[in-house]
Amino acid sequence: MTGIPPLTLPPRTGVHEPAPGPAATLVPLPMPALPDLAADGQRRFSTALLDASGRIQDRSVVTALGWKPGDRLLITQIRSSVVICRRGDGIFRMTTKPYVVLPAPVRHGCRVPAGSRVLLVADLACDVLVVHPEHVVHAMLRDFHTSLAAGETDQ
């Protein structure tokens, strides 16, 4: 994993929270661990559209994860993908409707414009959602198809 610091944007709820202290007192949140997809666990895969406000148009993954309105989320960009986990110290909150919303800096950093499709990988055992933009999925498939053409066996 890379050492990209997590975003620290204010929540978009109507609830007023105390302002953070001076920048010197802020402590960066730790990076979430990516789940090992080869390990046993329950996973859900889905594709969804991203609307202009950053909302991922898929309720089934959020429902499967059991995320509820007001749950705090830690949203971290890792390379060109996004890792989202429910954590008490998360900066973002689930909205009243069961959708995950990607903040604008994350959308721009991952090069995911409105109307793009994303691949969602939910690990229910780890309570983590990974969002892969189309260009990342294309790169993964390109590499896999190259290995197929070279006659490499599946692991």
N, C-alpha and C. Protein backbone atom coordinates (compact mmCIF):
# COMPACT_ATOMS: atom_id res chain seq x y z
N MET A 1 0.83 -1.18 0.00
CA MET A 1 0.00 0.00 0.00
C MET A 1 0.87 1.24 0.00
N THR A 2 0.31 2.30 -0.51
CA THR A 2 1.06 3.55 -0.58
C THR A 2 0.79 4.38 0.66
N GLY A 3 1.58 5.39 0.86
CA GLY A 3 1.45 6.25 2.02
C GLY A 3 0.62 7.48 1.73
N ILE A 4 -0.47 7.36 1.02
CA ILE A 4 -1.32 8.50 0.72
C ILE A 4 -2.14 8.82 1.96
N PRO A 5 -2.08 10.05 2.46
CA PRO A 5 -2.85 10.37 3.68
C PRO A 5 -4.34 10.41 3.37
N PRO A 6 -5.18 10.01 4.33
CA PRO A 6 -6.62 10.05 4.11
C PRO A 6 -7.12 11.49 4.06
N LEU A 7 -8.25 11.66 3.40
CA LEU A 7 -8.86 12.98 3.31
C LEU A 7 -9.45 13.38 4.65
N THR A 8 -9.45 14.67 4.92
CA THR A 8 -10.08 15.15 6.14
C THR A 8 -11.00 16.31 5.78
N LEU A 9 -12.17 15.98 5.29
CA LEU A 9 -13.16 16.98 4.94
C LEU A 9 -14.21 17.06 6.05
N PRO A 10 -14.84 18.21 6.24
CA PRO A 10 -15.87 18.29 7.28
C PRO A 10 -17.10 17.47 6.85
N PRO A 11 -17.86 16.98 7.82
CA PRO A 11 -19.06 16.21 7.48
C PRO A 11 -20.10 17.10 6.83
N ARG A 12 -20.96 16.52 6.01
CA ARG A 12 -22.00 17.28 5.32
C ARG A 12 -23.35 17.07 5.96
N THR A 13 -23.37 16.84 7.25
CA THR A 13 -24.64 16.67 7.96
C THR A 13 -25.06 18.01 8.53
N GLY A 14 -26.29 18.11 8.98
CA GLY A 14 -26.78 19.34 9.57
C GLY A 14 -26.31 19.51 11.01
N VAL A 15 -25.68 18.49 11.56
CA VAL A 15 -25.22 18.55 12.94
C VAL A 15 -23.90 19.32 13.00
N HIS A 16 -23.84 20.29 13.93
CA HIS A 16 -22.61 21.06 14.09
C HIS A 16 -21.66 20.30 15.00
N GLU A 17 -20.44 20.09 14.55
CA GLU A 17 -19.43 19.42 15.36
C GLU A 17 -18.35 20.43 15.68
N PRO A 18 -17.62 20.22 16.76
CA PRO A 18 -16.58 21.18 17.11
C PRO A 18 -15.51 21.25 16.01
N ALA A 19 -15.03 22.45 15.80
CA ALA A 19 -13.99 22.64 14.79
C ALA A 19 -12.70 22.00 15.27
N PRO A 20 -11.91 21.44 14.34
CA PRO A 20 -10.63 20.84 14.75
C PRO A 20 -9.68 21.91 15.26
N GLY A 21 -8.74 21.49 16.07
CA GLY A 21 -7.73 22.41 16.60
C GLY A 21 -6.75 22.80 15.52
N PRO A 22 -5.68 23.45 15.90
CA PRO A 22 -4.67 23.83 14.92
C PRO A 22 -4.12 22.60 14.19
N ALA A 23 -3.64 22.82 12.98
CA ALA A 23 -3.16 21.72 12.14
C ALA A 23 -2.11 20.87 12.84
N ALA A 24 -1.34 21.45 13.72
CA ALA A 24 -0.28 20.70 14.40
C ALA A 24 -0.85 19.64 15.33
N THR A 25 -2.11 19.80 15.78
CA THR A 25 -2.69 18.83 16.71
C THR A 25 -3.46 17.72 15.99
N LEU A 26 -3.68 17.85 14.69
CA LEU A 26 -4.40 16.82 13.95
C LEU A 26 -3.52 15.60 13.75
N VAL A 27 -4.10 14.44 13.96
CA VAL A 27 -3.38 13.18 13.78
C VAL A 27 -4.00 12.46 12.58
N PRO A 28 -3.21 12.08 11.57
CA PRO A 28 -3.79 11.40 10.42
C PRO A 28 -4.35 10.05 10.82
N LEU A 29 -5.46 9.68 10.17
CA LEU A 29 -6.07 8.38 10.44
C LEU A 29 -5.23 7.28 9.80
N PRO A 30 -5.19 6.11 10.42
CA PRO A 30 -4.42 5.01 9.83
C PRO A 30 -5.09 4.50 8.56
N MET A 31 -4.29 3.95 7.67
CA MET A 31 -4.80 3.39 6.43
C MET A 31 -5.52 2.09 6.74
N PRO A 32 -6.69 1.85 6.14
CA PRO A 32 -7.37 0.58 6.36
C PRO A 32 -6.63 -0.54 5.63
N ALA A 33 -6.73 -1.73 6.16
CA ALA A 33 -6.10 -2.88 5.51
C ALA A 33 -7.01 -3.39 4.39
N LEU A 34 -6.43 -3.70 3.24
CA LEU A 34 -7.20 -4.28 2.16
C LEU A 34 -7.40 -5.76 2.44
N PRO A 35 -8.62 -6.24 2.24
CA PRO A 35 -8.86 -7.66 2.49
C PRO A 35 -8.17 -8.54 1.46
N ASP A 36 -7.78 -9.73 1.87
CA ASP A 36 -7.21 -10.72 0.96
C ASP A 36 -8.37 -11.45 0.30
N LEU A 37 -8.54 -11.24 -1.01
CA LEU A 37 -9.68 -11.84 -1.70
C LEU A 37 -9.58 -13.35 -1.79
N ALA A 38 -8.40 -13.93 -1.53
CA ALA A 38 -8.26 -15.37 -1.57
C ALA A 38 -8.69 -16.01 -0.24
N ALA A 39 -8.78 -15.22 0.81
CA ALA A 39 -9.17 -15.74 2.11
C ALA A 39 -10.67 -16.05 2.14
N ASP A 40 -11.06 -16.92 3.06
CA ASP A 40 -12.48 -17.21 3.22
C ASP A 40 -13.19 -15.96 3.70
N GLY A 41 -14.40 -15.78 3.25
CA GLY A 41 -15.20 -14.63 3.65
C GLY A 41 -16.31 -14.41 2.66
N GLN A 42 -17.25 -13.64 3.06
CA GLN A 42 -18.37 -13.35 2.19
C GLN A 42 -18.08 -12.10 1.40
N ARG A 43 -18.26 -12.18 0.10
CA ARG A 43 -18.02 -11.04 -0.78
C ARG A 43 -19.22 -10.82 -1.70
N ARG A 44 -19.43 -9.56 -2.03
CA ARG A 44 -20.45 -9.20 -3.01
C ARG A 44 -19.75 -8.35 -4.07
N PHE A 45 -20.05 -8.63 -5.32
CA PHE A 45 -19.51 -7.86 -6.43
C PHE A 45 -20.67 -7.21 -7.17
N SER A 46 -20.45 -6.00 -7.63
CA SER A 46 -21.49 -5.29 -8.35
C SER A 46 -20.84 -4.22 -9.21
N THR A 47 -21.55 -3.80 -10.23
CA THR A 47 -21.14 -2.61 -10.98
C THR A 47 -22.23 -1.57 -10.79
N ALA A 48 -21.84 -0.32 -10.80
CA ALA A 48 -22.79 0.75 -10.58
C ALA A 48 -22.36 2.01 -11.30
N LEU A 49 -23.32 2.88 -11.53
CA LEU A 49 -23.05 4.19 -12.10
C LEU A 49 -22.75 5.17 -10.97
N LEU A 50 -21.91 6.14 -11.28
CA LEU A 50 -21.60 7.22 -10.35
C LEU A 50 -22.32 8.46 -10.86
N ASP A 51 -23.19 9.07 -10.05
CA ASP A 51 -23.90 10.26 -10.53
C ASP A 51 -23.07 11.53 -10.31
N ALA A 52 -23.60 12.65 -10.73
CA ALA A 52 -22.86 13.93 -10.69
C ALA A 52 -22.49 14.36 -9.28
N SER A 53 -23.24 13.91 -8.27
CA SER A 53 -22.92 14.30 -6.89
C SER A 53 -21.97 13.32 -6.21
N GLY A 54 -21.53 12.28 -6.95
CA GLY A 54 -20.61 11.31 -6.38
C GLY A 54 -21.29 10.11 -5.76
N ARG A 55 -22.62 10.05 -5.87
CA ARG A 55 -23.37 8.94 -5.28
C ARG A 55 -23.21 7.70 -6.15
N ILE A 56 -22.86 6.58 -5.51
CA ILE A 56 -22.76 5.29 -6.20
C ILE A 56 -24.15 4.69 -6.24
N GLN A 57 -24.67 4.49 -7.44
CA GLN A 57 -26.05 4.06 -7.63
C GLN A 57 -26.24 2.57 -7.41
N ASP A 58 -25.96 2.09 -6.20
CA ASP A 58 -26.17 0.69 -5.88
C ASP A 58 -26.49 0.58 -4.39
N ARG A 59 -27.72 0.20 -4.09
CA ARG A 59 -28.13 0.05 -2.69
C ARG A 59 -27.84 -1.35 -2.17
N SER A 60 -27.74 -2.33 -3.06
CA SER A 60 -27.62 -3.72 -2.62
C SER A 60 -26.34 -3.97 -1.82
N VAL A 61 -25.25 -3.36 -2.23
CA VAL A 61 -23.98 -3.55 -1.52
C VAL A 61 -24.05 -2.94 -0.13
N VAL A 62 -24.61 -1.75 -0.03
CA VAL A 62 -24.75 -1.07 1.27
C VAL A 62 -25.66 -1.89 2.19
N THR A 63 -26.74 -2.42 1.63
CA THR A 63 -27.64 -3.26 2.40
C THR A 63 -26.94 -4.53 2.87
N ALA A 64 -26.17 -5.16 1.98
CA ALA A 64 -25.44 -6.38 2.35
C ALA A 64 -24.43 -6.11 3.46
N LEU A 65 -23.78 -4.94 3.42
CA LEU A 65 -22.80 -4.58 4.45
C LEU A 65 -23.49 -4.21 5.77
N GLY A 66 -24.77 -3.85 5.70
CA GLY A 66 -25.50 -3.46 6.91
C GLY A 66 -25.22 -2.04 7.36
N TRP A 67 -24.72 -1.19 6.44
CA TRP A 67 -24.43 0.20 6.78
C TRP A 67 -25.74 0.97 6.87
N LYS A 68 -25.87 1.79 7.89
CA LYS A 68 -27.09 2.53 8.19
C LYS A 68 -26.83 4.03 8.16
N PRO A 69 -27.90 4.85 7.99
CA PRO A 69 -27.73 6.30 8.05
C PRO A 69 -27.03 6.72 9.34
N GLY A 70 -26.07 7.61 9.20
CA GLY A 70 -25.32 8.11 10.35
C GLY A 70 -24.05 7.33 10.65
N ASP A 71 -23.91 6.11 10.10
CA ASP A 71 -22.67 5.36 10.31
C ASP A 71 -21.50 6.18 9.78
N ARG A 72 -20.40 6.18 10.52
CA ARG A 72 -19.21 6.91 10.09
C ARG A 72 -18.37 6.03 9.17
N LEU A 73 -17.87 6.66 8.11
CA LEU A 73 -17.07 5.95 7.11
C LEU A 73 -15.70 6.59 6.98
N LEU A 74 -14.70 5.75 6.84
CA LEU A 74 -13.36 6.20 6.49
C LEU A 74 -13.20 5.92 5.00
N ILE A 75 -12.97 6.95 4.21
CA ILE A 75 -12.84 6.82 2.75
C ILE A 75 -11.41 7.17 2.39
N THR A 76 -10.70 6.21 1.81
CA THR A 76 -9.28 6.39 1.50
C THR A 76 -9.02 6.04 0.05
N GLN A 77 -8.32 6.92 -0.66
CA GLN A 77 -7.90 6.63 -2.03
C GLN A 77 -6.56 5.91 -1.96
N ILE A 78 -6.49 4.76 -2.62
CA ILE A 78 -5.25 4.02 -2.73
C ILE A 78 -5.00 3.82 -4.21
N ARG A 79 -3.96 4.47 -4.70
CA ARG A 79 -3.68 4.56 -6.12
C ARG A 79 -4.92 5.12 -6.82
N SER A 80 -5.54 4.35 -7.72
CA SER A 80 -6.71 4.86 -8.43
C SER A 80 -8.00 4.20 -7.96
N SER A 81 -7.97 3.51 -6.84
CA SER A 81 -9.17 2.88 -6.29
C SER A 81 -9.48 3.51 -4.93
N VAL A 82 -10.65 3.15 -4.39
CA VAL A 82 -11.10 3.73 -3.13
C VAL A 82 -11.44 2.60 -2.17
N VAL A 83 -10.97 2.71 -0.93
CA VAL A 83 -11.30 1.76 0.12
C VAL A 83 -12.16 2.49 1.14
N ILE A 84 -13.34 1.91 1.42
CA ILE A 84 -14.28 2.53 2.35
C ILE A 84 -14.58 1.52 3.45
N CYS A 85 -14.44 1.95 4.70
CA CYS A 85 -14.79 1.06 5.81
C CYS A 85 -15.56 1.85 6.86
N ARG A 86 -16.42 1.12 7.55
CA ARG A 86 -17.22 1.73 8.62
C ARG A 86 -16.35 1.74 9.87
N ARG A 87 -16.14 2.95 10.41
CA ARG A 87 -15.31 3.11 11.60
C ARG A 87 -15.85 4.26 12.43
N GLY A 88 -15.79 4.11 13.72
CA GLY A 88 -16.27 5.14 14.62
C GLY A 88 -15.54 6.46 14.48
N ASP A 89 -14.28 6.44 14.03
CA ASP A 89 -13.52 7.67 13.87
C ASP A 89 -13.52 8.17 12.42
N GLY A 90 -14.41 7.63 11.59
CA GLY A 90 -14.49 8.05 10.19
C GLY A 90 -14.94 9.49 10.05
N ILE A 91 -14.47 10.15 9.01
CA ILE A 91 -14.78 11.56 8.77
C ILE A 91 -16.16 11.73 8.13
N PHE A 92 -16.53 10.78 7.27
CA PHE A 92 -17.77 10.89 6.50
C PHE A 92 -18.87 10.09 7.16
N ARG A 93 -20.12 10.40 6.79
CA ARG A 93 -21.27 9.69 7.35
C ARG A 93 -22.15 9.16 6.22
N MET A 94 -22.79 8.03 6.51
CA MET A 94 -23.79 7.51 5.58
C MET A 94 -24.96 8.49 5.56
N THR A 95 -25.51 8.70 4.38
CA THR A 95 -26.64 9.60 4.23
C THR A 95 -27.92 8.91 4.69
N THR A 96 -29.01 9.66 4.69
CA THR A 96 -30.29 9.07 5.10
C THR A 96 -30.78 8.03 4.11
N LYS A 97 -30.34 8.13 2.86
CA LYS A 97 -30.66 7.11 1.86
C LYS A 97 -29.47 6.16 1.78
N PRO A 98 -29.72 4.87 1.52
CA PRO A 98 -28.62 3.89 1.56
C PRO A 98 -27.71 3.91 0.33
N TYR A 99 -27.01 5.02 0.16
CA TYR A 99 -26.03 5.15 -0.92
C TYR A 99 -24.70 5.58 -0.32
N VAL A 100 -23.61 5.15 -0.93
CA VAL A 100 -22.28 5.65 -0.57
C VAL A 100 -21.98 6.80 -1.52
N VAL A 101 -21.42 7.87 -0.99
CA VAL A 101 -21.07 9.04 -1.79
C VAL A 101 -19.55 9.22 -1.74
N LEU A 102 -18.94 9.31 -2.93
CA LEU A 102 -17.50 9.58 -3.01
C LEU A 102 -17.28 11.09 -3.03
N PRO A 103 -16.46 11.62 -2.13
CA PRO A 103 -16.19 13.06 -2.12
C PRO A 103 -15.50 13.49 -3.42
N ALA A 104 -15.71 14.74 -3.80
CA ALA A 104 -15.15 15.27 -5.05
C ALA A 104 -13.63 15.07 -5.16
N PRO A 105 -12.83 15.35 -4.11
CA PRO A 105 -11.38 15.14 -4.26
C PRO A 105 -11.03 13.69 -4.58
N VAL A 106 -11.78 12.76 -4.03
CA VAL A 106 -11.53 11.34 -4.31
C VAL A 106 -11.92 11.02 -5.76
N ARG A 107 -13.07 11.51 -6.20
CA ARG A 107 -13.50 11.28 -7.59
C ARG A 107 -12.47 11.82 -8.57
N HIS A 108 -11.97 13.02 -8.31
CA HIS A 108 -10.99 13.62 -9.21
C HIS A 108 -9.66 12.87 -9.14
N GLY A 109 -9.24 12.49 -7.94
CA GLY A 109 -7.99 11.77 -7.77
C GLY A 109 -8.00 10.40 -8.44
N CYS A 110 -9.17 9.78 -8.48
CA CYS A 110 -9.29 8.45 -9.11
C CYS A 110 -9.70 8.54 -10.58
N ARG A 111 -9.89 9.75 -11.06
CA ARG A 111 -10.33 9.98 -12.45
C ARG A 111 -11.65 9.26 -12.75
N VAL A 112 -12.66 9.56 -11.93
CA VAL A 112 -13.98 8.96 -12.09
C VAL A 112 -14.99 10.08 -12.33
N PRO A 113 -15.27 10.40 -13.60
CA PRO A 113 -16.25 11.45 -13.88
C PRO A 113 -17.68 10.93 -13.68
N ALA A 114 -18.61 11.85 -13.55
CA ALA A 114 -20.03 11.49 -13.44
C ALA A 114 -20.43 10.64 -14.64
N GLY A 115 -21.26 9.65 -14.39
CA GLY A 115 -21.71 8.76 -15.46
C GLY A 115 -20.80 7.56 -15.68
N SER A 116 -19.69 7.51 -14.95
CA SER A 116 -18.77 6.36 -15.08
C SER A 116 -19.35 5.16 -14.35
N ARG A 117 -18.94 4.00 -14.79
CA ARG A 117 -19.27 2.75 -14.08
C ARG A 117 -18.09 2.41 -13.19
N VAL A 118 -18.40 1.86 -12.03
CA VAL A 118 -17.38 1.41 -11.09
C VAL A 118 -17.67 -0.04 -10.70
N LEU A 119 -16.62 -0.79 -10.38
CA LEU A 119 -16.76 -2.13 -9.85
C LEU A 119 -16.71 -2.04 -8.33
N LEU A 120 -17.71 -2.61 -7.68
CA LEU A 120 -17.77 -2.60 -6.23
C LEU A 120 -17.44 -4.00 -5.71
N VAL A 121 -16.53 -4.06 -4.76
CA VAL A 121 -16.16 -5.32 -4.12
C VAL A 121 -16.39 -5.12 -2.62
N ALA A 122 -17.43 -5.77 -2.09
CA ALA A 122 -17.75 -5.66 -0.67
C ALA A 122 -17.31 -6.92 0.04
N ASP A 123 -16.50 -6.77 1.07
CA ASP A 123 -16.12 -7.89 1.92
C ASP A 123 -16.93 -7.76 3.19
N LEU A 124 -17.95 -8.61 3.31
CA LEU A 124 -18.87 -8.51 4.43
C LEU A 124 -18.21 -8.87 5.76
N ALA A 125 -17.28 -9.82 5.73
CA ALA A 125 -16.60 -10.24 6.95
C ALA A 125 -15.71 -9.13 7.50
N CYS A 126 -15.11 -8.33 6.61
CA CYS A 126 -14.21 -7.24 7.04
C CYS A 126 -14.90 -5.88 7.09
N ASP A 127 -16.18 -5.81 6.65
CA ASP A 127 -16.94 -4.56 6.66
C ASP A 127 -16.25 -3.49 5.81
N VAL A 128 -15.80 -3.89 4.62
CA VAL A 128 -15.03 -3.01 3.73
C VAL A 128 -15.64 -3.03 2.34
N LEU A 129 -15.67 -1.86 1.72
CA LEU A 129 -16.10 -1.73 0.33
C LEU A 129 -14.94 -1.14 -0.47
N VAL A 130 -14.56 -1.81 -1.56
CA VAL A 130 -13.52 -1.30 -2.44
C VAL A 130 -14.19 -0.90 -3.75
N VAL A 131 -13.88 0.30 -4.21
CA VAL A 131 -14.46 0.84 -5.44
C VAL A 131 -13.35 0.97 -6.48
N HIS A 132 -13.52 0.26 -7.60
CA HIS A 132 -12.54 0.31 -8.69
C HIS A 132 -13.15 1.02 -9.90
N PRO A 133 -12.54 2.12 -10.36
CA PRO A 133 -13.01 2.79 -11.57
C PRO A 133 -12.82 1.90 -12.80
N GLU A 134 -13.50 2.26 -13.89
CA GLU A 134 -13.42 1.49 -15.14
C GLU A 134 -11.98 1.31 -15.62
N HIS A 135 -11.20 2.37 -15.58
CA HIS A 135 -9.83 2.27 -16.12
C HIS A 135 -8.99 1.29 -15.31
N VAL A 136 -9.27 1.14 -14.02
CA VAL A 136 -8.55 0.17 -13.19
C VAL A 136 -8.98 -1.25 -13.56
N VAL A 137 -10.28 -1.45 -13.76
CA VAL A 137 -10.79 -2.77 -14.15
C VAL A 137 -10.22 -3.15 -15.51
N HIS A 138 -10.16 -2.19 -16.44
CA HIS A 138 -9.57 -2.46 -17.76
C HIS A 138 -8.12 -2.92 -17.62
N ALA A 139 -7.36 -2.25 -16.76
CA ALA A 139 -5.95 -2.63 -16.57
C ALA A 139 -5.83 -4.03 -15.96
N MET A 140 -6.69 -4.34 -14.98
CA MET A 140 -6.66 -5.69 -14.38
C MET A 140 -6.99 -6.75 -15.42
N LEU A 141 -8.02 -6.48 -16.21
CA LEU A 141 -8.41 -7.46 -17.23
C LEU A 141 -7.35 -7.59 -18.32
N ARG A 142 -6.73 -6.47 -18.69
CA ARG A 142 -5.66 -6.51 -19.70
C ARG A 142 -4.53 -7.41 -19.22
N ASP A 143 -4.12 -7.23 -17.97
CA ASP A 143 -3.04 -8.05 -17.41
C ASP A 143 -3.45 -9.52 -17.34
N PHE A 144 -4.69 -9.79 -16.94
CA PHE A 144 -5.16 -11.17 -16.85
C PHE A 144 -5.24 -11.80 -18.24
N HIS A 145 -5.76 -11.07 -19.22
CA HIS A 145 -5.86 -11.61 -20.59
C HIS A 145 -4.47 -11.83 -21.19
N THR A 146 -3.53 -10.98 -20.84
CA THR A 146 -2.15 -11.18 -21.30
C THR A 146 -1.60 -12.48 -20.74
N SER A 147 -1.89 -12.75 -19.45
CA SER A 147 -1.41 -14.01 -18.86
C SER A 147 -2.11 -15.22 -19.49
N LEU A 148 -3.37 -15.07 -19.88
CA LEU A 148 -4.07 -16.17 -20.56
C LEU A 148 -3.42 -16.44 -21.92
N ALA A 149 -3.11 -15.36 -22.64
CA ALA A 149 -2.50 -15.53 -23.96
C ALA A 149 -1.11 -16.15 -23.86
N ALA A 150 -0.43 -15.90 -22.73
CA ALA A 150 0.91 -16.46 -22.54
C ALA A 150 0.86 -17.90 -22.03
N GLY A 151 -0.36 -18.40 -21.77
CA GLY A 151 -0.51 -19.79 -21.33
C GLY A 151 -0.28 -20.00 -19.85
N GLU A 152 -0.29 -18.91 -19.06
CA GLU A 152 -0.11 -19.06 -17.61
C GLU A 152 -1.36 -19.68 -17.03
N THR A 153 -1.20 -20.48 -15.99
CA THR A 153 -2.34 -21.13 -15.36
C THR A 153 -2.91 -20.26 -14.27
N ASP A 154 -4.21 -20.45 -13.97
CA ASP A 154 -4.83 -19.74 -12.87
C ASP A 154 -4.30 -20.27 -11.55
N GLN A 155 -4.20 -19.38 -10.60
CA GLN A 155 -3.74 -19.80 -9.26
C GLN A 155 -4.92 -20.13 -8.40
